[in-house]
């Protein structure tokens, strides 16, 4: 019997053939199984964490690293808890994986103290040179490199956008945990000289537990004209639902760092796409598994930013979102 193949089927077959080298490389006989462990600053049940886990797996698969074929991928979650981070760090360093992927300042700080030999690729980390994680962005040195998140100019963008959506705001404060995000006071000092054009008073509220979050938001809301920036640090991310509820209760226009927070009821978010950053970080994991050294891989900055606005929350706060801001939004939740 003769079987004929049409042009469409031929193209599909050719496309499948193009993927054969990748699949073959993923299943080379005798190839040693590599082990990569990702230590997260977020909690395991966090939708943002789940999205990052999926992006990390997908990114490695695109590069030929197939889970449970030529690489074993493990995840550890800390929920921004320092004691849990220390425990996971001790366990990981003791087990000596081929590469440790990690996100969050307290995670990288713990890993840096624990090992100078195991390669570490970070993602969604702020000011790595200023915090001493790398010698410089161009030449990281030692065993750590990766992909950054917020930089100094982002503070200005947050202030501008919060003022744009809530013109009546005359006081803005940045809420963060100094244990999990020690770089924000530096960011605020850097931006302080440039805040005058916004005609806005700028301050910071350090918080370390839920009681302090409640007290800080309640106290700040006592005077009119306040706006809140919930810093994208692991502790704040873990307690974001409390912050969203307090912002609603006290009618505080609040800007967040991640789109997920707006889906959950936050007013707006602006910042780099963290899931995209995690996906991009797999390129360095791939290169290290193939023999390159972290010291030779320059730290990379974000390339994709996203703005999300929750119109329902804006309406509840009595805010009319400017059409120009809506036009720039990547996601509008109604």
Protein backbone atom coordinates (compact mmCIF):
# COMPACT_ATOMS: atom_id res chain seq x y z
CA UNK A 1 0.00 0.00 0.00
CA UNK A 2 1.33 3.42 -0.96
CA UNK A 3 1.02 6.22 1.57
CA UNK A 4 1.05 9.77 0.31
CA UNK A 5 2.01 12.77 2.45
CA UNK A 6 0.61 16.17 1.73
CA UNK A 7 2.53 19.45 1.98
CA UNK A 8 1.08 20.25 5.45
CA UNK A 9 2.04 16.79 6.80
CA UNK A 10 5.51 17.14 5.28
CA UNK A 11 6.03 20.49 7.02
CA UNK A 12 4.86 19.07 10.34
CA UNK A 13 7.22 16.14 9.95
CA UNK A 14 10.09 18.52 9.13
CA UNK A 15 9.27 20.59 12.18
CA UNK A 16 9.37 17.48 14.34
CA UNK A 17 12.70 16.51 12.85
CA UNK A 18 14.10 19.92 13.79
CA UNK A 19 13.42 19.08 17.42
CA UNK A 20 15.19 15.68 17.26
CA UNK A 21 18.70 16.93 18.12
CA UNK A 22 17.33 18.62 21.25
CA UNK A 23 15.53 15.47 22.37
CA UNK A 24 18.57 13.35 21.55
CA UNK A 25 20.82 15.60 23.60
CA UNK A 26 18.37 15.25 26.47
CA UNK A 27 18.71 11.44 26.49
CA UNK A 28 22.37 10.72 25.74
CA UNK A 29 23.20 7.22 27.05
CA UNK A 30 25.63 7.24 29.94
CA UNK A 31 25.24 10.96 30.58
CA UNK A 32 25.46 11.84 34.27
CA UNK A 33 22.23 13.07 35.83
CA UNK A 34 22.74 16.70 36.94
CA UNK A 35 21.09 18.12 40.05
CA UNK A 36 19.78 21.67 40.28
CA UNK A 37 18.07 23.02 43.40
CA UNK A 38 16.03 26.24 43.46
CA UNK A 39 15.75 27.95 46.86
CA UNK A 40 12.80 30.37 46.79
CA UNK A 41 12.15 33.40 48.97
CA UNK A 42 8.40 32.83 48.57
CA UNK A 43 6.03 30.30 50.10
CA UNK A 44 5.24 27.08 48.24
CA UNK A 45 1.50 27.82 47.92
CA UNK A 46 2.07 31.31 46.51
CA UNK A 47 0.73 31.59 42.92
CA UNK A 48 3.80 33.70 42.05
CA UNK A 49 6.08 30.91 43.29
CA UNK A 50 4.19 28.31 41.26
CA UNK A 51 4.53 30.45 38.14
CA UNK A 52 8.28 30.73 38.72
CA UNK A 53 8.62 26.97 39.18
CA UNK A 54 6.87 26.38 35.84
CA UNK A 55 8.97 29.01 34.07
CA UNK A 56 12.19 27.52 35.43
CA UNK A 57 11.28 24.04 34.21
CA UNK A 58 10.17 25.34 30.81
CA UNK A 59 13.32 27.41 30.40
CA UNK A 60 15.57 24.42 31.06
CA UNK A 61 13.53 22.20 28.76
CA UNK A 62 13.99 24.69 25.92
CA UNK A 63 17.74 24.33 26.44
CA UNK A 64 17.63 20.54 26.33
CA UNK A 65 17.54 19.78 30.06
CA UNK A 66 14.70 17.33 30.53
CA UNK A 67 13.54 16.75 34.09
CA UNK A 68 14.33 13.23 35.39
CA UNK A 69 16.18 12.42 32.17
CA UNK A 70 19.39 14.40 32.34
CA UNK A 71 18.60 16.78 35.20
CA UNK A 72 16.91 16.48 38.56
CA UNK A 73 15.22 19.73 39.62
CA UNK A 74 14.34 20.28 43.26
CA UNK A 75 12.67 23.25 44.96
CA UNK A 76 12.83 24.59 48.50
CA UNK A 77 10.48 27.31 49.77
CA UNK A 78 11.07 29.69 52.65
CA UNK A 79 8.13 32.13 52.71
CA UNK A 80 10.56 34.91 53.68
CA UNK A 81 11.33 33.17 56.99
CA UNK A 82 14.99 33.66 57.96
CA UNK A 83 15.23 30.50 60.11
CA UNK A 84 13.80 28.37 57.29
CA UNK A 85 16.22 29.93 54.81
CA UNK A 86 19.17 29.07 57.06
CA UNK A 87 17.96 25.50 57.47
CA UNK A 88 17.46 25.00 53.72
CA UNK A 89 20.85 26.57 53.01
CA UNK A 90 22.67 24.18 55.36
CA UNK A 91 20.90 21.20 53.80
CA UNK A 92 21.58 22.29 50.22
CA UNK A 93 25.24 23.11 50.70
CA UNK A 94 25.73 19.80 52.51
CA UNK A 95 24.20 17.88 49.59
CA UNK A 96 26.40 19.68 46.99
CA UNK A 97 24.13 20.08 43.94
CA UNK A 98 25.64 21.00 40.58
CA UNK A 99 23.95 24.44 40.63
CA UNK A 100 21.85 26.33 43.15
CA UNK A 101 19.25 28.70 41.71
CA UNK A 102 17.91 31.22 44.21
CA UNK A 103 15.74 34.29 44.60
CA UNK A 104 15.53 36.92 47.33
CA UNK A 105 18.15 38.87 49.25
CA UNK A 106 18.07 36.83 52.50
CA UNK A 107 18.43 33.64 50.45
CA UNK A 108 21.52 34.88 48.58
CA UNK A 109 23.01 36.33 51.77
CA UNK A 110 22.73 32.94 53.49
CA UNK A 111 24.13 31.04 50.50
CA UNK A 112 27.07 33.42 50.12
CA UNK A 113 28.10 32.80 53.70
CA UNK A 114 27.67 29.05 53.36
CA UNK A 115 29.61 28.28 50.17
CA UNK A 116 32.26 29.75 47.90
CA UNK A 117 32.42 26.76 45.57
CA UNK A 118 28.91 25.66 44.52
CA UNK A 119 27.74 27.75 41.52
CA UNK A 120 24.79 30.02 42.38
CA UNK A 121 22.47 31.73 39.87
CA UNK A 122 20.19 34.31 41.43
CA UNK A 123 17.04 35.88 40.02
CA UNK A 124 14.78 38.70 41.27
CA UNK A 125 17.51 40.15 43.53
CA UNK A 126 18.11 43.88 44.09
CA UNK A 127 21.44 45.71 44.14
CA UNK A 128 23.68 42.59 44.21
CA UNK A 129 26.90 44.64 43.99
CA UNK A 130 25.82 47.07 46.71
CA UNK A 131 24.95 44.15 48.97
CA UNK A 132 28.29 42.48 48.34
CA UNK A 133 26.95 39.41 46.57
CA UNK A 134 29.12 40.11 43.49
CA UNK A 135 32.27 42.15 42.99
CA UNK A 136 30.68 44.07 40.12
CA UNK A 137 27.88 43.59 37.61
CA UNK A 138 30.30 43.17 34.71
CA UNK A 139 32.67 40.84 36.58
CA UNK A 140 30.80 39.05 39.37
CA UNK A 141 33.79 37.07 40.64
CA UNK A 142 33.64 33.94 42.80
CA UNK A 143 30.67 31.57 42.47
CA UNK A 144 27.62 33.87 42.21
CA UNK A 145 25.96 35.63 39.28
CA UNK A 146 22.43 36.18 38.03
CA UNK A 147 19.58 38.48 37.07
CA UNK A 148 18.51 41.61 38.98
CA UNK A 149 15.07 43.02 39.75
CA UNK A 150 14.48 46.56 41.14
CA UNK A 151 17.09 49.29 40.61
CA UNK A 152 17.27 52.82 42.00
CA UNK A 153 15.21 54.52 39.24
CA UNK A 154 12.28 52.20 39.94
CA UNK A 155 11.53 54.11 43.16
CA UNK A 156 10.90 57.22 41.08
CA UNK A 157 8.62 55.30 38.70
CA UNK A 158 6.56 54.01 41.62
CA UNK A 159 6.12 57.50 43.03
CA UNK A 160 5.18 58.97 39.65
CA UNK A 161 2.60 56.27 38.89
CA UNK A 162 1.01 56.39 42.33
CA UNK A 163 0.72 60.16 42.00
CA UNK A 164 -0.75 59.74 38.50
CA UNK A 165 -3.51 57.38 39.60
CA UNK A 166 -4.15 59.27 42.87
CA UNK A 167 -3.35 62.97 42.33
CA UNK A 168 -4.56 63.83 45.83
CA UNK A 169 -1.69 61.92 47.44
CA UNK A 170 0.67 64.30 49.23
CA UNK A 171 2.48 61.79 51.43
CA UNK A 172 3.98 58.50 50.27
CA UNK A 173 5.60 55.82 52.36
CA UNK A 174 7.48 52.66 51.40
CA UNK A 175 6.69 49.62 53.53
CA UNK A 176 9.43 46.96 53.73
CA UNK A 177 11.15 44.56 56.10
CA UNK A 178 14.76 45.65 56.82
CA UNK A 179 15.75 42.03 57.49
CA UNK A 180 14.63 40.75 54.09
CA UNK A 181 15.13 43.96 52.06
CA UNK A 182 17.97 45.99 53.62
CA UNK A 183 18.65 47.93 50.41
CA UNK A 184 15.50 50.10 50.41
CA UNK A 185 16.81 52.82 52.78
CA UNK A 186 19.69 53.26 50.33
CA UNK A 187 17.25 53.47 47.41
CA UNK A 188 15.19 56.11 49.21
CA UNK A 189 18.24 58.23 50.03
CA UNK A 190 19.35 58.04 46.41
CA UNK A 191 15.96 59.23 45.20
CA UNK A 192 15.33 61.79 47.94
CA UNK A 193 16.90 64.71 46.09
CA UNK A 194 14.61 64.11 43.10
CA UNK A 195 11.28 63.86 44.93
CA UNK A 196 10.58 67.61 44.99
CA UNK A 197 8.89 67.80 41.53
CA UNK A 198 6.17 65.45 42.78
CA UNK A 199 5.31 67.81 45.65
CA UNK A 200 5.13 64.75 47.84
CA UNK A 201 6.59 63.94 51.24
CA UNK A 202 8.51 60.66 51.11
CA UNK A 203 9.08 58.35 54.07
CA UNK A 204 9.69 54.69 54.94
CA UNK A 205 7.92 52.25 57.28
CA UNK A 206 10.03 49.26 58.37
CA UNK A 207 7.91 46.29 59.51
CA UNK A 208 8.91 42.87 60.86
CA UNK A 209 5.63 41.11 61.69
CA UNK A 210 1.89 41.32 61.06
CA UNK A 211 1.25 43.45 64.15
CA UNK A 212 3.72 46.06 62.89
CA UNK A 213 2.11 46.00 59.43
CA UNK A 214 -1.31 46.68 60.97
CA UNK A 215 -0.02 49.43 63.27
CA UNK A 216 2.00 51.09 60.50
CA UNK A 217 -0.85 51.18 57.97
CA UNK A 218 -3.37 52.34 60.57
CA UNK A 219 -1.08 55.06 61.87
CA UNK A 220 -0.14 56.31 58.41
CA UNK A 221 -3.80 56.48 57.34
CA UNK A 222 -4.76 58.78 60.26
CA UNK A 223 -3.82 61.82 58.17
CA UNK A 224 -5.36 62.43 54.73
CA UNK A 225 -3.47 62.41 51.44
CA UNK A 226 -1.47 59.24 52.07
CA UNK A 227 -0.29 56.70 49.52
CA UNK A 228 1.48 53.40 50.20
CA UNK A 229 4.13 51.51 48.24
CA UNK A 230 4.36 47.85 49.30
CA UNK A 231 7.94 46.93 48.44
CA UNK A 232 8.44 43.67 46.53
CA UNK A 233 10.47 41.90 49.20
CA UNK A 234 9.89 38.30 50.38
CA UNK A 235 8.31 39.28 53.71
CA UNK A 236 5.92 41.80 52.15
CA UNK A 237 5.00 39.31 49.43
CA UNK A 238 4.17 36.69 52.04
CA UNK A 239 1.91 39.13 53.94
CA UNK A 240 0.43 40.95 50.96
CA UNK A 241 -3.16 39.85 51.62
CA UNK A 242 -3.07 41.63 54.98
CA UNK A 243 -1.69 44.75 53.30
CA UNK A 244 -4.36 44.62 50.59
CA UNK A 245 -7.07 44.32 53.27
CA UNK A 246 -5.63 47.23 55.29
CA UNK A 247 -5.34 49.41 52.18
CA UNK A 248 -9.02 48.75 51.45
CA UNK A 249 -10.08 49.39 55.05
CA UNK A 250 -8.18 52.66 55.36
CA UNK A 251 -8.77 53.74 51.74
CA UNK A 252 -5.04 53.94 51.03
CA UNK A 253 -4.01 53.99 47.35
CA UNK A 254 -1.32 51.31 47.24
CA UNK A 255 1.19 50.25 44.61
CA UNK A 256 2.64 46.74 44.58
CA UNK A 257 5.58 45.15 42.79
CA UNK A 258 3.89 42.12 41.23
CA UNK A 259 0.89 41.70 38.92
CA UNK A 260 -0.40 38.80 41.04
CA UNK A 261 -1.07 41.24 43.90
CA UNK A 262 -3.38 43.30 41.69
CA UNK A 263 -5.28 40.15 40.71
CA UNK A 264 -5.85 39.62 44.43
CA UNK A 265 -7.29 43.10 44.97
CA UNK A 266 -4.36 45.51 45.02
CA UNK A 267 -4.85 48.83 43.23
CA UNK A 268 -1.90 48.70 40.83
CA UNK A 269 1.52 47.21 40.27
CA UNK A 270 4.52 48.18 38.21
CA UNK A 271 7.83 46.41 37.89
CA UNK A 272 9.89 43.85 36.02
CA UNK A 273 8.23 40.60 35.03
CA UNK A 274 9.65 38.28 37.70
CA UNK A 275 8.53 35.12 35.90
CA UNK A 276 10.37 36.25 32.77
CA UNK A 277 13.49 36.90 34.86
CA UNK A 278 13.38 33.40 36.32
CA UNK A 279 12.94 31.94 32.84
CA UNK A 280 15.94 33.92 31.56
CA UNK A 281 18.04 32.76 34.50
CA UNK A 282 17.96 29.20 33.13
CA UNK A 283 20.34 30.33 30.38
CA UNK A 284 23.05 30.75 33.02
CA UNK A 285 22.18 27.45 34.69
CA UNK A 286 22.59 25.83 31.27
CA UNK A 287 25.95 27.48 30.63
CA UNK A 288 27.29 26.52 34.05
CA UNK A 289 26.17 22.91 33.63
CA UNK A 290 28.12 22.94 30.36
CA UNK A 291 31.30 24.08 32.08
CA UNK A 292 31.28 27.90 32.25
CA UNK A 293 32.03 29.68 35.54
CA UNK A 294 29.71 32.16 37.27
CA UNK A 295 32.60 34.60 37.61
CA UNK A 296 32.67 34.96 33.81
CA UNK A 297 28.93 35.58 33.38
CA UNK A 298 27.95 39.26 33.86
CA UNK A 299 24.90 40.11 35.94
CA UNK A 300 21.93 40.96 33.73
CA UNK A 301 19.14 43.51 34.23
CA UNK A 302 15.41 43.05 33.54
CA UNK A 303 14.19 43.50 29.97
CA UNK A 304 10.42 43.20 30.42
CA UNK A 305 8.27 45.43 32.65
CA UNK A 306 4.54 45.25 33.30
CA UNK A 307 1.83 47.56 34.60
CA UNK A 308 -1.42 46.17 36.05
CA UNK A 309 -4.45 48.14 37.31
CA UNK A 310 -7.51 46.93 39.21
CA UNK A 311 -10.45 49.12 38.17
CA UNK A 312 -12.73 47.65 40.83
CA UNK A 313 -10.30 48.68 43.56
CA UNK A 314 -9.84 52.11 41.98
CA UNK A 315 -13.60 52.64 42.00
CA UNK A 316 -13.84 51.58 45.66
CA UNK A 317 -11.19 54.20 46.48
CA UNK A 318 -13.02 56.87 44.47
CA UNK A 319 -10.24 57.13 41.90
CA UNK A 320 -10.74 57.84 38.20
CA UNK A 321 -7.90 56.13 36.35
CA UNK A 322 -6.48 58.46 33.66
CA UNK A 323 -6.96 57.11 30.11
CA UNK A 324 -3.25 57.63 29.43
CA UNK A 325 -2.40 55.29 32.32
CA UNK A 326 -4.97 52.72 31.19
CA UNK A 327 -3.50 52.77 27.70
CA UNK A 328 -0.07 51.85 29.10
CA UNK A 329 -1.37 48.98 31.23
CA UNK A 330 -0.46 45.41 30.33
CA UNK A 331 -3.44 44.11 32.30
CA UNK A 332 -6.62 45.84 33.44
CA UNK A 333 -8.76 43.93 35.93
CA UNK A 334 -12.44 44.85 35.94
